[in-house]
Amino acid sequence: MSSVDADLRLLLTSCTPLLNNRNSSVVLQVATLYYHLAPTAEFSKVGKPLVAVLGTHPEIQYVVLSNISTMAIDRPVCLSLLSLAQSFNQQFIPFLPRDRTLLSPF
């Protein structure tokens, strides 16, 4: 396991409970934080919370699936997220943003 700065470790440890938040925006922002800052081995923590957010409104599903697609393009490890999302939603058609930037729901 790679060594992680103590401040970054504190940030990741402090944000992990927020993955259980009922607010989809909070879950998506913590997943984005993990995507940009966490070591690849720790990114698997965000899979189930992101898929749980897919059970909400279609607009939120669109934003979350867009972000999952973007994450899967840039990090091959994130392909497990894409397969989780596909198993959740059988009519899933991946939306690949043209500029491949992470979208925010608000």
N, C-alpha and C. Protein backbone atom coordinates (compact mmCIF):
# COMPACT_ATOMS: atom_id res chain seq x y z
N MET A 1 0.85 -1.18 0.00
CA MET A 1 0.00 0.00 0.00
C MET A 1 0.88 1.24 0.00
N SER A 2 0.53 2.21 -0.79
CA SER A 2 1.33 3.42 -0.88
C SER A 2 1.15 4.27 0.37
N SER A 3 2.21 5.01 0.67
CA SER A 3 2.11 5.88 1.83
C SER A 3 1.31 7.12 1.45
N VAL A 4 0.45 7.51 2.35
CA VAL A 4 -0.42 8.66 2.12
C VAL A 4 -0.11 9.69 3.19
N ASP A 5 -0.07 10.94 2.79
CA ASP A 5 0.17 12.03 3.72
C ASP A 5 -0.85 11.99 4.86
N ALA A 6 -0.41 12.36 6.05
CA ALA A 6 -1.29 12.30 7.23
C ALA A 6 -2.52 13.19 7.07
N ASP A 7 -2.36 14.36 6.47
CA ASP A 7 -3.50 15.26 6.29
C ASP A 7 -4.51 14.68 5.30
N LEU A 8 -4.00 14.07 4.23
CA LEU A 8 -4.89 13.44 3.26
C LEU A 8 -5.60 12.25 3.89
N ARG A 9 -4.89 11.49 4.71
CA ARG A 9 -5.51 10.35 5.40
C ARG A 9 -6.63 10.85 6.31
N LEU A 10 -6.40 11.95 7.02
CA LEU A 10 -7.42 12.51 7.90
C LEU A 10 -8.64 12.96 7.09
N LEU A 11 -8.41 13.60 5.95
CA LEU A 11 -9.51 14.05 5.09
C LEU A 11 -10.34 12.85 4.61
N LEU A 12 -9.67 11.81 4.10
CA LEU A 12 -10.39 10.64 3.59
C LEU A 12 -11.14 9.92 4.71
N THR A 13 -10.51 9.80 5.87
CA THR A 13 -11.17 9.14 7.01
C THR A 13 -12.38 9.94 7.48
N SER A 14 -12.26 11.26 7.46
CA SER A 14 -13.37 12.12 7.90
C SER A 14 -14.53 12.11 6.91
N CYS A 15 -14.24 11.93 5.64
CA CYS A 15 -15.29 11.97 4.61
C CYS A 15 -15.99 10.63 4.40
N THR A 16 -15.37 9.55 4.82
CA THR A 16 -15.95 8.23 4.59
C THR A 16 -17.36 8.08 5.15
N PRO A 17 -17.67 8.56 6.38
CA PRO A 17 -19.05 8.43 6.87
C PRO A 17 -20.08 9.19 6.02
N LEU A 18 -19.63 10.20 5.30
CA LEU A 18 -20.56 10.97 4.46
C LEU A 18 -21.07 10.15 3.27
N LEU A 19 -20.43 9.04 2.96
CA LEU A 19 -20.92 8.18 1.88
C LEU A 19 -22.27 7.56 2.24
N ASN A 20 -22.61 7.55 3.52
CA ASN A 20 -23.91 7.00 3.97
C ASN A 20 -24.98 8.07 4.05
N ASN A 21 -24.69 9.27 3.61
CA ASN A 21 -25.63 10.37 3.67
C ASN A 21 -26.80 10.12 2.71
N ARG A 22 -27.96 10.61 3.07
CA ARG A 22 -29.15 10.44 2.22
C ARG A 22 -29.18 11.44 1.07
N ASN A 23 -28.39 12.48 1.15
CA ASN A 23 -28.33 13.50 0.11
C ASN A 23 -27.41 13.02 -1.01
N SER A 24 -27.96 12.90 -2.20
CA SER A 24 -27.18 12.37 -3.33
C SER A 24 -26.02 13.28 -3.71
N SER A 25 -26.18 14.57 -3.53
CA SER A 25 -25.11 15.51 -3.85
C SER A 25 -23.90 15.29 -2.95
N VAL A 26 -24.15 15.03 -1.69
CA VAL A 26 -23.06 14.78 -0.74
C VAL A 26 -22.31 13.51 -1.13
N VAL A 27 -23.05 12.46 -1.44
CA VAL A 27 -22.42 11.19 -1.82
C VAL A 27 -21.59 11.37 -3.09
N LEU A 28 -22.14 12.09 -4.06
CA LEU A 28 -21.43 12.30 -5.31
C LEU A 28 -20.17 13.14 -5.11
N GLN A 29 -20.23 14.14 -4.26
CA GLN A 29 -19.05 14.98 -4.02
C GLN A 29 -17.96 14.20 -3.27
N VAL A 30 -18.34 13.34 -2.33
CA VAL A 30 -17.35 12.52 -1.63
C VAL A 30 -16.74 11.52 -2.61
N ALA A 31 -17.55 10.96 -3.50
CA ALA A 31 -17.01 10.06 -4.52
C ALA A 31 -16.03 10.79 -5.43
N THR A 32 -16.34 12.03 -5.79
CA THR A 32 -15.44 12.84 -6.60
C THR A 32 -14.14 13.13 -5.85
N LEU A 33 -14.24 13.39 -4.56
CA LEU A 33 -13.06 13.61 -3.73
C LEU A 33 -12.18 12.35 -3.75
N TYR A 34 -12.79 11.20 -3.55
CA TYR A 34 -12.03 9.94 -3.59
C TYR A 34 -11.43 9.72 -4.98
N TYR A 35 -12.16 10.05 -6.00
CA TYR A 35 -11.68 9.88 -7.37
C TYR A 35 -10.41 10.70 -7.63
N HIS A 36 -10.39 11.93 -7.14
CA HIS A 36 -9.25 12.80 -7.40
C HIS A 36 -8.10 12.62 -6.42
N LEU A 37 -8.38 12.29 -5.17
CA LEU A 37 -7.34 12.31 -4.15
C LEU A 37 -6.95 10.96 -3.57
N ALA A 38 -7.86 10.01 -3.53
CA ALA A 38 -7.57 8.75 -2.84
C ALA A 38 -6.70 7.83 -3.69
N PRO A 39 -5.91 7.00 -3.03
CA PRO A 39 -5.19 5.98 -3.78
C PRO A 39 -6.18 5.05 -4.48
N THR A 40 -5.77 4.48 -5.59
CA THR A 40 -6.66 3.65 -6.40
C THR A 40 -7.25 2.49 -5.59
N ALA A 41 -6.47 1.93 -4.69
CA ALA A 41 -6.94 0.79 -3.90
C ALA A 41 -8.11 1.15 -2.99
N GLU A 42 -8.21 2.40 -2.60
CA GLU A 42 -9.28 2.83 -1.68
C GLU A 42 -10.53 3.31 -2.40
N PHE A 43 -10.46 3.43 -3.71
CA PHE A 43 -11.60 3.97 -4.45
C PHE A 43 -12.80 3.03 -4.42
N SER A 44 -12.58 1.76 -4.13
CA SER A 44 -13.69 0.80 -4.13
C SER A 44 -14.74 1.10 -3.06
N LYS A 45 -14.42 1.93 -2.08
CA LYS A 45 -15.37 2.28 -1.02
C LYS A 45 -16.59 3.04 -1.55
N VAL A 46 -16.46 3.71 -2.68
CA VAL A 46 -17.54 4.56 -3.16
C VAL A 46 -18.52 3.83 -4.08
N GLY A 47 -18.24 2.60 -4.44
CA GLY A 47 -19.08 1.87 -5.39
C GLY A 47 -20.51 1.68 -4.94
N LYS A 48 -20.69 1.06 -3.80
CA LYS A 48 -22.04 0.77 -3.32
C LYS A 48 -22.84 2.04 -3.01
N PRO A 49 -22.25 3.04 -2.35
CA PRO A 49 -23.03 4.27 -2.12
C PRO A 49 -23.47 4.95 -3.42
N LEU A 50 -22.62 4.95 -4.44
CA LEU A 50 -23.02 5.57 -5.71
C LEU A 50 -24.16 4.80 -6.36
N VAL A 51 -24.09 3.48 -6.31
CA VAL A 51 -25.17 2.68 -6.89
C VAL A 51 -26.45 2.86 -6.09
N ALA A 52 -26.34 3.03 -4.78
CA ALA A 52 -27.53 3.27 -3.96
C ALA A 52 -28.21 4.57 -4.33
N VAL A 53 -27.44 5.57 -4.74
CA VAL A 53 -28.00 6.86 -5.15
C VAL A 53 -28.79 6.71 -6.44
N LEU A 54 -28.50 5.70 -7.24
CA LEU A 54 -29.21 5.51 -8.51
C LEU A 54 -30.69 5.19 -8.32
N GLY A 55 -31.10 4.85 -7.13
CA GLY A 55 -32.49 4.53 -6.87
C GLY A 55 -33.38 5.74 -6.67
N THR A 56 -32.89 6.91 -7.00
CA THR A 56 -33.64 8.14 -6.79
C THR A 56 -34.21 8.65 -8.11
N HIS A 57 -34.38 9.93 -8.23
CA HIS A 57 -35.01 10.56 -9.38
C HIS A 57 -34.17 10.40 -10.66
N PRO A 58 -34.83 10.41 -11.82
CA PRO A 58 -34.11 10.24 -13.09
C PRO A 58 -33.03 11.30 -13.35
N GLU A 59 -33.27 12.52 -12.91
CA GLU A 59 -32.27 13.57 -13.11
C GLU A 59 -30.99 13.26 -12.33
N ILE A 60 -31.16 12.77 -11.12
CA ILE A 60 -30.01 12.40 -10.30
C ILE A 60 -29.32 11.18 -10.89
N GLN A 61 -30.10 10.23 -11.39
CA GLN A 61 -29.51 9.05 -12.04
C GLN A 61 -28.63 9.47 -13.20
N TYR A 62 -29.10 10.43 -13.99
CA TYR A 62 -28.36 10.90 -15.15
C TYR A 62 -27.00 11.47 -14.74
N VAL A 63 -27.00 12.31 -13.72
CA VAL A 63 -25.76 12.94 -13.28
C VAL A 63 -24.80 11.90 -12.70
N VAL A 64 -25.33 11.00 -11.88
CA VAL A 64 -24.48 9.97 -11.27
C VAL A 64 -23.91 9.03 -12.33
N LEU A 65 -24.75 8.60 -13.26
CA LEU A 65 -24.26 7.71 -14.32
C LEU A 65 -23.25 8.42 -15.21
N SER A 66 -23.43 9.69 -15.44
CA SER A 66 -22.45 10.46 -16.22
C SER A 66 -21.10 10.48 -15.51
N ASN A 67 -21.14 10.69 -14.21
CA ASN A 67 -19.89 10.72 -13.44
C ASN A 67 -19.25 9.34 -13.37
N ILE A 68 -20.05 8.30 -13.21
CA ILE A 68 -19.50 6.94 -13.20
C ILE A 68 -18.83 6.64 -14.53
N SER A 69 -19.45 7.04 -15.63
CA SER A 69 -18.86 6.82 -16.95
C SER A 69 -17.53 7.56 -17.08
N THR A 70 -17.49 8.80 -16.62
CA THR A 70 -16.26 9.57 -16.68
C THR A 70 -15.17 8.94 -15.82
N MET A 71 -15.54 8.49 -14.64
CA MET A 71 -14.56 7.83 -13.77
C MET A 71 -14.03 6.55 -14.41
N ALA A 72 -14.90 5.80 -15.06
CA ALA A 72 -14.49 4.54 -15.68
C ALA A 72 -13.57 4.77 -16.87
N ILE A 73 -13.72 5.90 -17.56
CA ILE A 73 -12.84 6.21 -18.69
C ILE A 73 -11.42 6.50 -18.19
N ASP A 74 -11.31 7.31 -17.17
CA ASP A 74 -10.00 7.76 -16.70
C ASP A 74 -9.29 6.75 -15.81
N ARG A 75 -10.02 5.94 -15.07
CA ARG A 75 -9.43 4.93 -14.19
C ARG A 75 -10.05 3.58 -14.51
N PRO A 76 -9.30 2.69 -15.13
CA PRO A 76 -9.86 1.37 -15.45
C PRO A 76 -10.35 0.60 -14.23
N VAL A 77 -9.82 0.91 -13.05
CA VAL A 77 -10.28 0.25 -11.83
C VAL A 77 -11.75 0.56 -11.58
N CYS A 78 -12.21 1.69 -12.08
CA CYS A 78 -13.58 2.14 -11.86
C CYS A 78 -14.58 1.38 -12.73
N LEU A 79 -14.10 0.50 -13.59
CA LEU A 79 -15.03 -0.25 -14.44
C LEU A 79 -15.97 -1.11 -13.61
N SER A 80 -15.56 -1.49 -12.40
CA SER A 80 -16.46 -2.24 -11.53
C SER A 80 -17.68 -1.39 -11.16
N LEU A 81 -17.49 -0.07 -11.04
CA LEU A 81 -18.63 0.82 -10.79
C LEU A 81 -19.60 0.78 -11.95
N LEU A 82 -19.06 0.77 -13.15
CA LEU A 82 -19.89 0.74 -14.34
C LEU A 82 -20.69 -0.56 -14.40
N SER A 83 -20.07 -1.67 -14.05
CA SER A 83 -20.79 -2.95 -14.07
C SER A 83 -21.84 -3.00 -12.96
N LEU A 84 -21.54 -2.39 -11.81
CA LEU A 84 -22.55 -2.31 -10.75
C LEU A 84 -23.75 -1.50 -11.21
N ALA A 85 -23.48 -0.39 -11.87
CA ALA A 85 -24.57 0.46 -12.36
C ALA A 85 -25.38 -0.26 -13.42
N GLN A 86 -24.72 -1.01 -14.30
CA GLN A 86 -25.43 -1.74 -15.34
C GLN A 86 -26.31 -2.83 -14.75
N SER A 87 -25.82 -3.49 -13.71
CA SER A 87 -26.65 -4.53 -13.10
C SER A 87 -27.85 -3.92 -12.38
N PHE A 88 -27.69 -2.69 -11.90
CA PHE A 88 -28.81 -2.02 -11.23
C PHE A 88 -29.86 -1.57 -12.23
N ASN A 89 -29.42 -1.05 -13.34
CA ASN A 89 -30.33 -0.46 -14.31
C ASN A 89 -30.12 -1.13 -15.66
N GLN A 90 -31.02 -2.00 -16.05
CA GLN A 90 -30.86 -2.78 -17.28
C GLN A 90 -30.92 -1.91 -18.53
N GLN A 91 -31.57 -0.77 -18.50
CA GLN A 91 -31.64 0.11 -19.66
C GLN A 91 -30.51 1.14 -19.66
N PHE A 92 -29.45 0.85 -18.95
CA PHE A 92 -28.34 1.79 -18.84
C PHE A 92 -27.63 1.95 -20.18
N ILE A 93 -27.57 3.19 -20.65
CA ILE A 93 -26.80 3.51 -21.84
C ILE A 93 -25.76 4.52 -21.39
N PRO A 94 -24.48 4.15 -21.43
CA PRO A 94 -23.47 5.07 -20.88
C PRO A 94 -23.43 6.39 -21.63
N PHE A 95 -23.45 7.44 -20.87
CA PHE A 95 -23.32 8.79 -21.42
C PHE A 95 -21.88 9.22 -21.20
N LEU A 96 -21.18 9.49 -22.26
CA LEU A 96 -19.79 9.89 -22.14
C LEU A 96 -19.68 11.38 -22.45
N PRO A 97 -19.47 12.20 -21.42
CA PRO A 97 -19.37 13.63 -21.66
C PRO A 97 -18.24 13.94 -22.64
N ARG A 98 -18.48 14.88 -23.48
CA ARG A 98 -17.51 15.21 -24.52
C ARG A 98 -16.19 15.70 -23.92
N ASP A 99 -16.28 16.50 -22.88
CA ASP A 99 -15.05 17.04 -22.30
C ASP A 99 -14.53 16.21 -21.13
N ARG A 100 -15.24 15.16 -20.76
CA ARG A 100 -14.83 14.22 -19.72
C ARG A 100 -14.54 14.90 -18.39
N THR A 101 -15.30 15.92 -18.05
CA THR A 101 -15.17 16.55 -16.74
C THR A 101 -16.28 16.03 -15.86
N LEU A 102 -16.04 16.00 -14.58
CA LEU A 102 -17.06 15.53 -13.65
C LEU A 102 -18.14 16.58 -13.50
N LEU A 103 -19.37 16.15 -13.61
CA LEU A 103 -20.51 17.04 -13.52
C LEU A 103 -20.96 17.17 -12.07
N SER A 104 -21.56 18.24 -11.75
CA SER A 104 -22.12 18.45 -10.43
C SER A 104 -23.64 18.52 -10.56
N PRO A 105 -24.38 17.89 -9.62
CA PRO A 105 -25.83 17.92 -9.72
C PRO A 105 -26.43 19.29 -9.49
N PHE A 106 -25.66 20.22 -8.93
CA PHE A 106 -26.21 21.55 -8.67
C PHE A 106 -25.26 22.61 -9.17
